[in-house]
Amino acid sequence: MKTDLRIAYSRLMFRLWWLYRDGNLNRSKFITVMKRIQEELEEILESGTPCGQSKTEGTYKQILKHKTALWTFVMEEGVEPTNNRAEQIIRAYVMWRKISFGTQSDRGNRYVERIMTASTLLSLER
């Protein structure tokens, strides 16, 4: 039952995010609805913490430990609920490393990390 609720809340959160992102839900309504979902989900996680399954309890505790970060996408405009954008940004570098066999030294690794970071930051400023 609680698993079904967690899945339903997750789906609802993303539906609301997409509505907000696409301009079909205003920010104040998005925040108001998400606050209610946040309260409900945190209550579910807290009540499930002493469930007797060590892995589940550990997962719930970790989520609750970082709950402020979990809801950043609601409170901070411009933050997305996934890391898809970050993954897309580094994808080219991951592919380069894969096809070029990377570097052969720590010094080479540091050089590539710095050059790629600078290149990415400069491209984002455009």
PDB file of N, CA and C in Angstrom:
ATOM      1  N   MET A   1       0.825  -1.206   0.000  1.00  0.00           N
ATOM      2  CA  MET A   1       0.000   0.000   0.000  1.00  0.00           C
ATOM      3  C   MET A   1       0.862   1.260   0.000  1.00  0.00           C
ATOM      4  N   LYS A   2       1.840   1.314   0.925  1.00  0.00           N
ATOM      5  CA  LYS A   2       2.687   2.501   0.987  1.00  0.00           C
ATOM      6  C   LYS A   2       3.546   2.634  -0.262  1.00  0.00           C
ATOM      7  N   THR A   3       3.982   1.508  -0.826  1.00  0.00           N
ATOM      8  CA  THR A   3       4.754   1.556  -2.065  1.00  0.00           C
ATOM      9  C   THR A   3       3.919   2.187  -3.166  1.00  0.00           C
ATOM     10  N   ASP A   4       2.653   1.795  -3.257  1.00  0.00           N
ATOM     11  CA  ASP A   4       1.775   2.372  -4.267  1.00  0.00           C
ATOM     12  C   ASP A   4       1.633   3.876  -4.064  1.00  0.00           C
ATOM     13  N   LEU A   5       1.533   4.315  -2.822  1.00  0.00           N
ATOM     14  CA  LEU A   5       1.425   5.743  -2.530  1.00  0.00           C
ATOM     15  C   LEU A   5       2.698   6.482  -2.931  1.00  0.00           C
ATOM     16  N   ARG A   6       3.858   5.902  -2.639  1.00  0.00           N
ATOM     17  CA  ARG A   6       5.124   6.548  -3.007  1.00  0.00           C
ATOM     18  C   ARG A   6       5.220   6.700  -4.522  1.00  0.00           C
ATOM     19  N   ILE A   7       4.835   5.664  -5.249  1.00  0.00           N
ATOM     20  CA  ILE A   7       4.878   5.717  -6.713  1.00  0.00           C
ATOM     21  C   ILE A   7       3.882   6.752  -7.226  1.00  0.00           C
ATOM     22  N   ALA A   8       2.687   6.761  -6.669  1.00  0.00           N
ATOM     23  CA  ALA A   8       1.669   7.723  -7.085  1.00  0.00           C
ATOM     24  C   ALA A   8       2.134   9.156  -6.828  1.00  0.00           C
ATOM     25  N   TYR A   9       2.738   9.392  -5.662  1.00  0.00           N
ATOM     26  CA  TYR A   9       3.246  10.732  -5.351  1.00  0.00           C
ATOM     27  C   TYR A   9       4.392  11.112  -6.290  1.00  0.00           C
ATOM     28  N   SER A  10       5.266  10.177  -6.597  1.00  0.00           N
ATOM     29  CA  SER A  10       6.370  10.462  -7.516  1.00  0.00           C
ATOM     30  C   SER A  10       5.829  10.851  -8.887  1.00  0.00           C
ATOM     31  N   ARG A  11       4.870  10.107  -9.373  1.00  0.00           N
ATOM     32  CA  ARG A  11       4.271  10.419 -10.681  1.00  0.00           C
ATOM     33  C   ARG A  11       3.589  11.785 -10.652  1.00  0.00           C
ATOM     34  N   LEU A  12       2.875  12.052  -9.567  1.00  0.00           N
ATOM     35  CA  LEU A  12       2.191  13.335  -9.438  1.00  0.00           C
ATOM     36  C   LEU A  12       3.202  14.482  -9.398  1.00  0.00           C
ATOM     37  N   MET A  13       4.299  14.294  -8.663  1.00  0.00           N
ATOM     38  CA  MET A  13       5.330  15.332  -8.586  1.00  0.00           C
ATOM     39  C   MET A  13       5.857  15.680  -9.973  1.00  0.00           C
ATOM     40  N   PHE A  14       6.126  14.656 -10.781  1.00  0.00           N
ATOM     41  CA  PHE A  14       6.650  14.923 -12.120  1.00  0.00           C
ATOM     42  C   PHE A  14       5.587  15.539 -13.029  1.00  0.00           C
ATOM     43  N   ARG A  15       4.361  15.089 -12.900  1.00  0.00           N
ATOM     44  CA  ARG A  15       3.294  15.715 -13.706  1.00  0.00           C
ATOM     45  C   ARG A  15       3.186  17.200 -13.377  1.00  0.00           C
ATOM     46  N   LEU A  16       3.224  17.525 -12.086  1.00  0.00           N
ATOM     47  CA  LEU A  16       3.154  18.929 -11.670  1.00  0.00           C
ATOM     48  C   LEU A  16       4.370  19.704 -12.165  1.00  0.00           C
ATOM     49  N   TRP A  17       5.545  19.088 -12.080  1.00  0.00           N
ATOM     50  CA  TRP A  17       6.758  19.752 -12.564  1.00  0.00           C
ATOM     51  C   TRP A  17       6.643  20.068 -14.052  1.00  0.00           C
ATOM     52  N   TRP A  18       6.184  19.089 -14.829  1.00  0.00           N
ATOM     53  CA  TRP A  18       6.054  19.311 -16.270  1.00  0.00           C
ATOM     54  C   TRP A  18       5.036  20.407 -16.566  1.00  0.00           C
ATOM     55  N   LEU A  19       3.931  20.420 -15.826  1.00  0.00           N
ATOM     56  CA  LEU A  19       2.939  21.481 -16.010  1.00  0.00           C
ATOM     57  C   LEU A  19       3.550  22.848 -15.705  1.00  0.00           C
ATOM     58  N   TYR A  20       4.269  22.925 -14.603  1.00  0.00           N
ATOM     59  CA  TYR A  20       4.916  24.186 -14.216  1.00  0.00           C
ATOM     60  C   TYR A  20       5.976  24.583 -15.241  1.00  0.00           C
ATOM     61  N   ARG A  21       6.848  23.643 -15.586  1.00  0.00           N
ATOM     62  CA  ARG A  21       7.929  23.909 -16.536  1.00  0.00           C
ATOM     63  C   ARG A  21       7.398  24.403 -17.884  1.00  0.00           C
ATOM     64  N   ASP A  22       6.284  23.831 -18.332  1.00  0.00           N
ATOM     65  CA  ASP A  22       5.714  24.180 -19.626  1.00  0.00           C
ATOM     66  C   ASP A  22       4.804  25.406 -19.569  1.00  0.00           C
ATOM     67  N   GLY A  23       4.674  26.022 -18.374  1.00  0.00           N
ATOM     68  CA  GLY A  23       3.889  27.245 -18.242  1.00  0.00           C
ATOM     69  C   GLY A  23       2.400  27.030 -18.048  1.00  0.00           C
ATOM     70  N   ASN A  24       1.993  25.805 -17.745  1.00  0.00           N
ATOM     71  CA  ASN A  24       0.574  25.517 -17.560  1.00  0.00           C
ATOM     72  C   ASN A  24       0.147  25.517 -16.094  1.00  0.00           C
ATOM     73  N   LEU A  25       1.072  25.841 -15.200  1.00  0.00           N
ATOM     74  CA  LEU A  25       0.791  25.923 -13.767  1.00  0.00           C
ATOM     75  C   LEU A  25       1.660  27.048 -13.218  1.00  0.00           C
ATOM     76  N   ASN A  26       1.035  28.007 -12.516  1.00  0.00           N
ATOM     77  CA  ASN A  26       1.844  29.116 -12.021  1.00  0.00           C
ATOM     78  C   ASN A  26       2.677  28.695 -10.806  1.00  0.00           C
ATOM     79  N   ARG A  27       3.703  29.463 -10.540  1.00  0.00           N
ATOM     80  CA  ARG A  27       4.682  29.118  -9.505  1.00  0.00           C
ATOM     81  C   ARG A  27       4.057  28.979  -8.120  1.00  0.00           C
ATOM     82  N   SER A  28       3.196  29.909  -7.740  1.00  0.00           N
ATOM     83  CA  SER A  28       2.620  29.859  -6.387  1.00  0.00           C
ATOM     84  C   SER A  28       1.756  28.614  -6.199  1.00  0.00           C
ATOM     85  N   LYS A  29       0.995  28.235  -7.212  1.00  0.00           N
ATOM     86  CA  LYS A  29       0.172  27.029  -7.128  1.00  0.00           C
ATOM     87  C   LYS A  29       1.071  25.787  -7.077  1.00  0.00           C
ATOM     88  N   PHE A  30       2.126  25.786  -7.885  1.00  0.00           N
ATOM     89  CA  PHE A  30       3.079  24.681  -7.891  1.00  0.00           C
ATOM     90  C   PHE A  30       3.672  24.500  -6.488  1.00  0.00           C
ATOM     91  N   ILE A  31       4.128  25.573  -5.882  1.00  0.00           N
ATOM     92  CA  ILE A  31       4.732  25.496  -4.547  1.00  0.00           C
ATOM     93  C   ILE A  31       3.724  25.015  -3.519  1.00  0.00           C
ATOM     94  N   THR A  32       2.518  25.536  -3.574  1.00  0.00           N
ATOM     95  CA  THR A  32       1.475  25.153  -2.616  1.00  0.00           C
ATOM     96  C   THR A  32       1.166  23.660  -2.689  1.00  0.00           C
ATOM     97  N   VAL A  33       0.962  23.156  -3.891  1.00  0.00           N
ATOM     98  CA  VAL A  33       0.633  21.740  -4.060  1.00  0.00           C
ATOM     99  C   VAL A  33       1.827  20.865  -3.678  1.00  0.00           C
ATOM    100  N   MET A  34       3.018  21.274  -4.071  1.00  0.00           N
ATOM    101  CA  MET A  34       4.211  20.491  -3.764  1.00  0.00           C
ATOM    102  C   MET A  34       4.486  20.448  -2.260  1.00  0.00           C
ATOM    103  N   LYS A  35       4.170  21.503  -1.539  1.00  0.00           N
ATOM    104  CA  LYS A  35       4.347  21.504  -0.077  1.00  0.00           C
ATOM    105  C   LYS A  35       3.493  20.408   0.558  1.00  0.00           C
ATOM    106  N   ARG A  36       2.266  20.270   0.071  1.00  0.00           N
ATOM    107  CA  ARG A  36       1.388  19.222   0.601  1.00  0.00           C
ATOM    108  C   ARG A  36       1.938  17.831   0.287  1.00  0.00           C
ATOM    109  N   ILE A  37       2.417  17.660  -0.926  1.00  0.00           N
ATOM    110  CA  ILE A  37       3.004  16.376  -1.310  1.00  0.00           C
ATOM    111  C   ILE A  37       4.243  16.099  -0.470  1.00  0.00           C
ATOM    112  N   GLN A  38       5.049  17.122  -0.258  1.00  0.00           N
ATOM    113  CA  GLN A  38       6.251  16.978   0.570  1.00  0.00           C
ATOM    114  C   GLN A  38       5.895  16.485   1.969  1.00  0.00           C
ATOM    115  N   GLU A  39       4.915  17.110   2.576  1.00  0.00           N
ATOM    116  CA  GLU A  39       4.496  16.708   3.925  1.00  0.00           C
ATOM    117  C   GLU A  39       4.027  15.259   3.950  1.00  0.00           C
ATOM    118  N   GLU A  40       3.216  14.887   2.970  1.00  0.00           N
ATOM    119  CA  GLU A  40       2.695  13.521   2.906  1.00  0.00           C
ATOM    120  C   GLU A  40       3.817  12.497   2.700  1.00  0.00           C
ATOM    121  N   LEU A  41       4.710  12.774   1.765  1.00  0.00           N
ATOM    122  CA  LEU A  41       5.801  11.837   1.493  1.00  0.00           C
ATOM    123  C   LEU A  41       6.737  11.690   2.691  1.00  0.00           C
ATOM    124  N   GLU A  42       7.057  12.798   3.334  1.00  0.00           N
ATOM    125  CA  GLU A  42       7.939  12.723   4.494  1.00  0.00           C
ATOM    126  C   GLU A  42       7.278  11.956   5.636  1.00  0.00           C
ATOM    127  N   GLU A  43       5.978  12.102   5.773  1.00  0.00           N
ATOM    128  CA  GLU A  43       5.253  11.335   6.787  1.00  0.00           C
ATOM    129  C   GLU A  43       5.318   9.834   6.484  1.00  0.00           C
ATOM    130  N   ILE A  44       5.146   9.494   5.209  1.00  0.00           N
ATOM    131  CA  ILE A  44       5.239   8.085   4.802  1.00  0.00           C
ATOM    132  C   ILE A  44       6.633   7.544   5.094  1.00  0.00           C
ATOM    133  N   LEU A  45       7.663   8.314   4.744  1.00  0.00           N
ATOM    134  CA  LEU A  45       9.040   7.874   4.986  1.00  0.00           C
ATOM    135  C   LEU A  45       9.336   7.720   6.478  1.00  0.00           C
ATOM    136  N   GLU A  46       8.870   8.673   7.276  1.00  0.00           N
ATOM    137  CA  GLU A  46       9.102   8.598   8.723  1.00  0.00           C
ATOM    138  C   GLU A  46       8.375   7.413   9.343  1.00  0.00           C
ATOM    139  N   SER A  47       7.168   7.151   8.898  1.00  0.00           N
ATOM    140  CA  SER A  47       6.417   6.026   9.465  1.00  0.00           C
ATOM    141  C   SER A  47       6.982   4.688   8.998  1.00  0.00           C
ATOM    142  N   GLY A  48       7.668   4.687   7.856  1.00  0.00           N
ATOM    143  CA  GLY A  48       8.236   3.452   7.337  1.00  0.00           C
ATOM    144  C   GLY A  48       9.639   3.173   7.819  1.00  0.00           C
ATOM    145  N   THR A  49      10.248   4.129   8.520  1.00  0.00           N
ATOM    146  CA  THR A  49      11.624   3.950   8.972  1.00  0.00           C
ATOM    147  C   THR A  49      11.782   2.738   9.877  1.00  0.00           C
ATOM    148  N   PRO A  50      10.902   2.512  10.853  1.00  0.00           N
ATOM    149  CA  PRO A  50      11.052   1.299  11.674  1.00  0.00           C
ATOM    150  C   PRO A  50      10.255   0.116  11.106  1.00  0.00           C
ATOM    151  N   CYS A  51      10.497  -0.244   9.835  1.00  0.00           N
ATOM    152  CA  CYS A  51       9.684  -1.272   9.176  1.00  0.00           C
ATOM    153  C   CYS A  51      10.213  -2.694   9.376  1.00  0.00           C
ATOM    154  N   GLY A  52      11.434  -2.834   9.900  1.00  0.00           N
ATOM    155  CA  GLY A  52      11.986  -4.165  10.111  1.00  0.00           C
ATOM    156  C   GLY A  52      12.846  -4.675   8.961  1.00  0.00           C
ATOM    157  N   GLN A  53      12.887  -3.957   7.866  1.00  0.00           N
ATOM    158  CA  GLN A  53      13.735  -4.307   6.725  1.00  0.00           C
ATOM    159  C   GLN A  53      14.919  -3.342   6.714  1.00  0.00           C
ATOM    160  N   SER A  54      16.095  -3.840   7.019  1.00  0.00           N
ATOM    161  CA  SER A  54      17.244  -2.948   7.208  1.00  0.00           C
ATOM    162  C   SER A  54      17.567  -2.108   5.968  1.00  0.00           C
ATOM    163  N   LYS A  55      17.481  -2.672   4.778  1.00  0.00           N
ATOM    164  CA  LYS A  55      17.778  -1.899   3.563  1.00  0.00           C
ATOM    165  C   LYS A  55      16.762  -0.774   3.367  1.00  0.00           C
ATOM    166  N   THR A  56      15.496  -1.108   3.562  1.00  0.00           N
ATOM    167  CA  THR A  56      14.436  -0.109   3.401  1.00  0.00           C
ATOM    168  C   THR A  56      14.583   0.982   4.443  1.00  0.00           C
ATOM    169  N   GLU A  57      14.817   0.595   5.683  1.00  0.00           N
ATOM    170  CA  GLU A  57      15.000   1.577   6.746  1.00  0.00           C
ATOM    171  C   GLU A  57      16.182   2.491   6.441  1.00  0.00           C
ATOM    172  N   GLY A  58      17.273   1.905   5.965  1.00  0.00           N
ATOM    173  CA  GLY A  58      18.452   2.702   5.628  1.00  0.00           C
ATOM    174  C   GLY A  58      18.174   3.689   4.500  1.00  0.00           C
ATOM    175  N   THR A  59      17.454   3.232   3.495  1.00  0.00           N
ATOM    176  CA  THR A  59      17.102   4.112   2.374  1.00  0.00           C
ATOM    177  C   THR A  59      16.233   5.259   2.845  1.00  0.00           C
ATOM    178  N   TYR A  60      15.219   4.950   3.643  1.00  0.00           N
ATOM    179  CA  TYR A  60      14.329   5.991   4.160  1.00  0.00           C
ATOM    180  C   TYR A  60      15.101   7.000   4.996  1.00  0.00           C
ATOM    181  N   LYS A  61      15.995   6.512   5.838  1.00  0.00           N
ATOM    182  CA  LYS A  61      16.785   7.411   6.690  1.00  0.00           C
ATOM    183  C   LYS A  61      17.666   8.327   5.844  1.00  0.00           C
ATOM    184  N   GLN A  62      18.268   7.776   4.788  1.00  0.00           N
ATOM    185  CA  GLN A  62      19.115   8.596   3.915  1.00  0.00           C
ATOM    186  C   GLN A  62      18.293   9.666   3.191  1.00  0.00           C
ATOM    187  N   ILE A  63      17.122   9.288   2.719  1.00  0.00           N
ATOM    188  CA  ILE A  63      16.261  10.268   2.047  1.00  0.00           C
ATOM    189  C   ILE A  63      15.866  11.369   3.021  1.00  0.00           C
ATOM    190  N   LEU A  64      15.471  10.983   4.223  1.00  0.00           N
ATOM    191  CA  LEU A  64      15.078  11.979   5.223  1.00  0.00           C
ATOM    192  C   LEU A  64      16.257  12.854   5.642  1.00  0.00           C
ATOM    193  N   LYS A  65      17.440  12.272   5.692  1.00  0.00           N
ATOM    194  CA  LYS A  65      18.644  13.027   6.059  1.00  0.00           C
ATOM    195  C   LYS A  65      18.906  14.150   5.056  1.00  0.00           C
ATOM    196  N   HIS A  66      18.578  13.897   3.801  1.00  0.00           N
ATOM    197  CA  HIS A  66      18.836  14.873   2.735  1.00  0.00           C
ATOM    198  C   HIS A  66      17.552  15.486   2.189  1.00  0.00           C
ATOM    199  N   LYS A  67      16.517  15.518   2.999  1.00  0.00           N
ATOM    200  CA  LYS A  67      15.219  15.964   2.498  1.00  0.00           C
ATOM    201  C   LYS A  67      15.219  17.412   2.015  1.00  0.00           C
ATOM    202  N   THR A  68      16.044  18.259   2.607  1.00  0.00           N
ATOM    203  CA  THR A  68      16.097  19.646   2.147  1.00  0.00           C
ATOM    204  C   THR A  68      16.553  19.707   0.695  1.00  0.00           C
ATOM    205  N   ALA A  69      17.568  18.937   0.368  1.00  0.00           N
ATOM    206  CA  ALA A  69      18.071  18.908  -1.008  1.00  0.00           C
ATOM    207  C   ALA A  69      17.040  18.294  -1.960  1.00  0.00           C
ATOM    208  N   LEU A  70      16.274  17.351  -1.467  1.00  0.00           N
ATOM    209  CA  LEU A  70      15.273  16.683  -2.292  1.00  0.00           C
ATOM    210  C   LEU A  70      14.245  17.669  -2.851  1.00  0.00           C
ATOM    211  N   TRP A  71      13.933  18.701  -2.091  1.00  0.00           N
ATOM    212  CA  TRP A  71      12.886  19.640  -2.485  1.00  0.00           C
ATOM    213  C   TRP A  71      13.431  20.954  -3.036  1.00  0.00           C
ATOM    214  N   THR A  72      14.716  21.010  -3.333  1.00  0.00           N
ATOM    215  CA  THR A  72      15.320  22.237  -3.859  1.00  0.00           C
ATOM    216  C   THR A  72      14.637  22.686  -5.138  1.00  0.00           C
ATOM    217  N   PHE A  73      14.239  21.750  -5.982  1.00  0.00           N
ATOM    218  CA  PHE A  73      13.611  22.111  -7.257  1.00  0.00           C
ATOM    219  C   PHE A  73      12.291  22.850  -7.069  1.00  0.00           C
ATOM    220  N   VAL A  74      11.686  22.723  -5.897  1.00  0.00           N
ATOM    221  CA  VAL A  74      10.436  23.439  -5.629  1.00  0.00           C
ATOM    222  C   VAL A  74      10.744  24.859  -5.167  1.00  0.00           C
ATOM    223  N   MET A  75      11.715  24.981  -4.274  1.00  0.00           N
ATOM    224  CA  MET A  75      11.993  26.272  -3.643  1.00  0.00           C
ATOM    225  C   MET A  75      12.883  27.197  -4.470  1.00  0.00           C
ATOM    226  N   GLU A  76      13.740  26.632  -5.306  1.00  0.00           N
ATOM    227  CA  GLU A  76      14.675  27.435  -6.100  1.00  0.00           C
ATOM    228  C   GLU A  76      14.270  27.409  -7.570  1.00  0.00           C
ATOM    229  N   GLU A  77      13.897  28.532  -8.076  1.00  0.00           N
ATOM    230  CA  GLU A  77      13.509  28.604  -9.479  1.00  0.00           C
ATOM    231  C   GLU A  77      14.722  28.296 -10.363  1.00  0.00           C
ATOM    232  N   GLY A  78      14.516  27.520 -11.400  1.00  0.00           N
ATOM    233  CA  GLY A  78      15.587  27.169 -12.319  1.00  0.00           C
ATOM    234  C   GLY A  78      16.255  25.839 -12.019  1.00  0.00           C
ATOM    235  N   VAL A  79      15.933  25.239 -10.872  1.00  0.00           N
ATOM    236  CA  VAL A  79      16.494  23.934 -10.527  1.00  0.00           C
ATOM    237  C   VAL A  79      15.509  22.864 -10.969  1.00  0.00           C
ATOM    238  N   GLU A  80      16.025  21.843 -11.636  1.00  0.00           N
ATOM    239  CA  GLU A  80      15.171  20.757 -12.107  1.00  0.00           C
ATOM    240  C   GLU A  80      15.186  19.597 -11.116  1.00  0.00           C
ATOM    241  N   PRO A  81      14.148  18.750 -11.123  1.00  0.00           N
ATOM    242  CA  PRO A  81      14.084  17.638 -10.164  1.00  0.00           C
ATOM    243  C   PRO A  81      14.960  16.443 -10.544  1.00  0.00           C
ATOM    244  N   THR A  82      15.638  16.511 -11.672  1.00  0.00           N
ATOM    245  CA  THR A  82      16.524  15.412 -12.079  1.00  0.00           C
ATOM    246  C   THR A  82      17.900  15.974 -12.404  1.00  0.00           C
ATOM    247  N   ASN A  83      18.847  15.093 -12.621  1.00  0.00           N
ATOM    248  CA  ASN A  83      20.180  15.540 -13.012  1.00  0.00           C
ATOM    249  C   ASN A  83      20.399  15.363 -14.520  1.00  0.00           C
ATOM    250  N   ASN A  84      19.330  15.277 -15.292  1.00  0.00           N
ATOM    251  CA  ASN A  84      19.439  15.042 -16.730  1.00  0.00           C
ATOM    252  C   ASN A  84      20.295  16.091 -17.428  1.00  0.00           C
ATOM    253  N   ARG A  85      20.121  17.357 -17.089  1.00  0.00           N
ATOM    254  CA  ARG A  85      20.886  18.427 -17.750  1.00  0.00           C
ATOM    255  C   ARG A  85      22.375  18.257 -17.495  1.00  0.00           C
ATOM    256  N   ALA A  86      22.737  17.970 -16.252  1.00  0.00           N
ATOM    257  CA  ALA A  86      24.152  17.769 -15.927  1.00  0.00           C
ATOM    258  C   ALA A  86      24.712  16.581 -16.693  1.00  0.00           C
ATOM    259  N   GLU A  87      23.951  15.516 -16.785  1.00  0.00           N
ATOM    260  CA  GLU A  87      24.410  14.340 -17.528  1.00  0.00           C
ATOM    261  C   GLU A  87      24.586  14.661 -19.004  1.00  0.00           C
ATOM    262  N   GLN A  88      23.694  15.464 -19.556  1.00  0.00           N
ATOM    263  CA  GLN A  88      23.815  15.840 -20.960  1.00  0.00           C
ATOM    264  C   GLN A  88      25.064  16.687 -21.189  1.00  0.00           C
ATOM    265  N   ILE A  89      25.378  17.554 -20.238  1.00  0.00           N
ATOM    266  CA  ILE A  89      26.549  18.415 -20.367  1.00  0.00           C
ATOM    267  C   ILE A  89      27.838  17.600 -20.396  1.00  0.00           C
ATOM    268  N   ILE A  90      27.938  16.591 -19.540  1.00  0.00           N
ATOM    269  CA  ILE A  90      29.191  15.839 -19.473  1.00  0.00           C
ATOM    270  C   ILE A  90      29.254  14.669 -20.454  1.00  0.00           C
ATOM    271  N   ARG A  91      28.155  14.394 -21.139  1.00  0.00           N
ATOM    272  CA  ARG A  91      28.123  13.244 -22.047  1.00  0.00           C
ATOM    273  C   ARG A  91      29.233  13.290 -23.095  1.00  0.00           C
ATOM    274  N   ALA A  92      29.458  14.437 -23.705  1.00  0.00           N
ATOM    275  CA  ALA A  92      30.495  14.545 -24.737  1.00  0.00           C
ATOM    276  C   ALA A  92      31.864  14.182 -24.180  1.00  0.00           C
ATOM    277  N   TYR A  93      32.121  14.587 -22.949  1.00  0.00           N
ATOM    278  CA  TYR A  93      33.421  14.297 -22.338  1.00  0.00           C
ATOM    279  C   TYR A  93      33.557  12.825 -21.968  1.00  0.00           C
ATOM    280  N   VAL A  94      32.475  12.249 -21.543  1.00  0.00           N
ATOM    281  CA  VAL A  94      32.500  10.818 -21.235  1.00  0.00           C
ATOM    282  C   VAL A  94      32.765  10.024 -22.510  1.00  0.00           C
ATOM    283  N   MET A  95      32.108  10.418 -23.585  1.00  0.00           N
ATOM    284  CA  MET A  95      32.317   9.732 -24.862  1.00  0.00           C
ATOM    285  C   MET A  95      33.756   9.926 -25.358  1.00  0.00           C
ATOM    286  N   TRP A  96      34.298  11.144 -25.213  1.00  0.00           N
ATOM    287  CA  TRP A  96      35.685  11.397 -25.609  1.00  0.00           C
ATOM    288  C   TRP A  96      36.627  10.473 -24.847  1.00  0.00           C
ATOM    289  N   ARG A  97      36.409  10.400 -23.543  1.00  0.00           N
ATOM    290  CA  ARG A  97      37.274   9.567 -22.708  1.00  0.00           C
ATOM    291  C   ARG A  97      37.186   8.103 -23.138  1.00  0.00           C
ATOM    292  N   LYS A  98      36.000   7.668 -23.489  1.00  0.00           N
ATOM    293  CA  LYS A  98      35.797   6.271 -23.879  1.00  0.00           C
ATOM    294  C   LYS A  98      36.520   5.935 -25.186  1.00  0.00           C
ATOM    295  N   ILE A  99      36.395   6.803 -26.184  1.00  0.00           N
ATOM    296  CA  ILE A  99      36.994   6.488 -27.485  1.00  0.00           C
ATOM    297  C   ILE A  99      38.487   6.809 -27.550  1.00  0.00           C
ATOM    298  N   SER A 100      38.973   7.682 -26.646  1.00  0.00           N
ATOM    299  CA  SER A 100      40.388   8.053 -26.694  1.00  0.00           C
ATOM    300  C   SER A 100      41.220   7.279 -25.680  1.00  0.00           C
ATOM    301  N   PHE A 101      40.566   6.417 -24.917  1.00  0.00           N
ATOM    302  CA  PHE A 101      41.221   5.640 -23.859  1.00  0.00           C
ATOM    303  C   PHE A 101      41.744   6.517 -22.725  1.00  0.00           C
ATOM    304  N   GLY A 102      41.177   7.726 -22.594  1.00  0.00           N
ATOM    305  CA  GLY A 102      41.518   8.591 -21.463  1.00  0.00           C
ATOM    306  C   GLY A 102      42.955   9.046 -21.453  1.00  0.00           C
ATOM    307  N   THR A 103      43.483   9.242 -20.269  1.00  0.00           N
ATOM    308  CA  THR A 103      44.874   9.650 -20.120  1.00  0.00           C
ATOM    309  C   THR A 103      45.623   8.555 -19.379  1.00  0.00           C
ATOM    310  N   GLN A 104      46.922   8.693 -19.338  1.00  0.00           N
ATOM    311  CA  GLN A 104      47.742   7.644 -18.735  1.00  0.00           C
ATOM    312  C   GLN A 104      48.403   8.064 -17.428  1.00  0.00           C
ATOM    313  N   SER A 105      48.015   9.238 -16.897  1.00  0.00           N
ATOM    314  CA  SER A 105      48.662   9.693 -15.659  1.00  0.00           C
ATOM    315  C   SER A 105      47.721  10.583 -14.870  1.00  0.00           C
ATOM    316  N   ASP A 106      48.032  10.758 -13.601  1.00  0.00           N
ATOM    317  CA  ASP A 106      47.250  11.674 -12.756  1.00  0.00           C
ATOM    318  C   ASP A 106      47.348  13.096 -13.290  1.00  0.00           C
ATOM    319  N   ARG A 107      48.541  13.472 -13.730  1.00  0.00           N
ATOM    320  CA  ARG A 107      48.733  14.820 -14.277  1.00  0.00           C
ATOM    321  C   ARG A 107      47.859  15.019 -15.524  1.00  0.00           C
ATOM    322  N   GLY A 108      47.822  14.028 -16.375  1.00  0.00           N
ATOM    323  CA  GLY A 108      46.971  14.097 -17.567  1.00  0.00           C
ATOM    324  C   GLY A 108      45.494  14.177 -17.204  1.00  0.00           C
ATOM    325  N   ASN A 109      45.089  13.416 -16.191  1.00  0.00           N
ATOM    326  CA  ASN A 109      43.695  13.462 -15.729  1.00  0.00           C
ATOM    327  C   ASN A 109      43.332  14.860 -15.244  1.00  0.00           C
ATOM    328  N   ARG A 110      44.204  15.454 -14.432  1.00  0.00           N
ATOM    329  CA  ARG A 110      43.941  16.803 -13.908  1.00  0.00           C
ATOM    330  C   ARG A 110      43.849  17.815 -15.045  1.00  0.00           C
ATOM    331  N   TYR A 111      44.747  17.714 -16.023  1.00  0.00           N
ATOM    332  CA  TYR A 111      44.733  18.627 -17.162  1.00  0.00           C
ATOM    333  C   TYR A 111      43.400  18.532 -17.913  1.00  0.00           C
ATOM    334  N   VAL A 112      43.002  17.321 -18.235  1.00  0.00           N
ATOM    335  CA  VAL A 112      41.757  17.118 -18.989  1.00  0.00           C
ATOM    336  C   VAL A 112      40.555  17.602 -18.178  1.00  0.00           C
ATOM    337  N   GLU A 113      40.522  17.291 -16.882  1.00  0.00           N
ATOM    338  CA  GLU A 113      39.421  17.753 -16.029  1.00  0.00           C
ATOM    339  C   GLU A 113      39.311  19.268 -16.069  1.00  0.00           C
ATOM    340  N   ARG A 114      40.441  19.949 -15.961  1.00  0.00           N
ATOM    341  CA  ARG A 114      40.435  21.422 -15.921  1.00  0.00           C
ATOM    342  C   ARG A 114      40.049  22.020 -17.263  1.00  0.00           C
ATOM    343  N   ILE A 115      40.586  21.481 -18.334  1.00  0.00           N
ATOM    344  CA  ILE A 115      40.264  21.995 -19.668  1.00  0.00           C
ATOM    345  C   ILE A 115      38.784  21.775 -19.976  1.00  0.00           C
ATOM    346  N   MET A 116      38.286  20.613 -19.655  1.00  0.00           N
ATOM    347  CA  MET A 116      36.876  20.318 -19.938  1.00  0.00           C
ATOM    348  C   MET A 116      35.949  21.164 -19.068  1.00  0.00           C
ATOM    349  N   THR A 117      36.323  21.379 -17.825  1.00  0.00           N
ATOM    350  CA  THR A 117      35.521  22.236 -16.947  1.00  0.00           C
ATOM    351  C   THR A 117      35.487  23.657 -17.484  1.00  0.00           C
ATOM    352  N   ALA A 118      36.646  24.188 -17.853  1.00  0.00           N
ATOM    353  CA  ALA A 118      36.708  25.544 -18.396  1.00  0.00           C
ATOM    354  C   ALA A 118      35.900  25.647 -19.677  1.00  0.00           C
ATOM    355  N   SER A 119      36.043  24.675 -20.557  1.00  0.00           N
ATOM    356  CA  SER A 119      35.318  24.669 -21.813  1.00  0.00           C
ATOM    357  C   SER A 119      33.810  24.647 -21.584  1.00  0.00           C
ATOM    358  N   THR A 120      33.361  23.819 -20.667  1.00  0.00           N
ATOM    359  CA  THR A 120      31.932  23.724 -20.372  1.00  0.00           C
ATOM    360  C   THR A 120      31.405  25.018 -19.787  1.00  0.00           C
ATOM    361  N   LEU A 121      32.131  25.588 -18.827  1.00  0.00           N
ATOM    362  CA  LEU A 121      31.692  26.843 -18.204  1.00  0.00           C
ATOM    363  C   LEU A 121      31.613  27.968 -19.232  1.00  0.00           C
ATOM    364  N   LEU A 122      32.590  28.038 -20.117  1.00  0.00           N
ATOM    365  CA  LEU A 122      32.565  29.083 -21.146  1.00  0.00           C
ATOM    366  C   LEU A 122      31.405  28.885 -22.115  1.00  0.00           C
ATOM    367  N   SER A 123      31.101  27.641 -22.442  1.00  0.00           N
ATOM    368  CA  SER A 123      29.988  27.390 -23.363  1.00  0.00           C
ATOM    369  C   SER A 123      28.641  27.700 -22.723  1.00  0.00           C
ATOM    370  N   LEU A 124      28.542  27.550 -21.403  1.00  0.00           N
ATOM    371  CA  LEU A 124      27.284  27.848 -20.702  1.00  0.00           C
ATOM    372  C   LEU A 124      27.037  29.345 -20.596  1.00  0.00           C
ATOM    373  N   GLU A 125      28.087  30.144 -20.654  1.00  0.00           N
ATOM    374  CA  GLU A 125      27.946  31.600 -20.514  1.00  0.00           C
ATOM    375  C   GLU A 125      27.413  32.257 -21.766  1.00  0.00           C
ATOM    376  N   ARG A 126      27.403  31.535 -22.869  1.00  0.00           N
ATOM    377  CA  ARG A 126      26.910  32.122 -24.129  1.00  0.00           C
ATOM    378  C   ARG A 126      25.449  32.327 -24.125  1.00  0.00           C
TER     379      ARG A 126
END
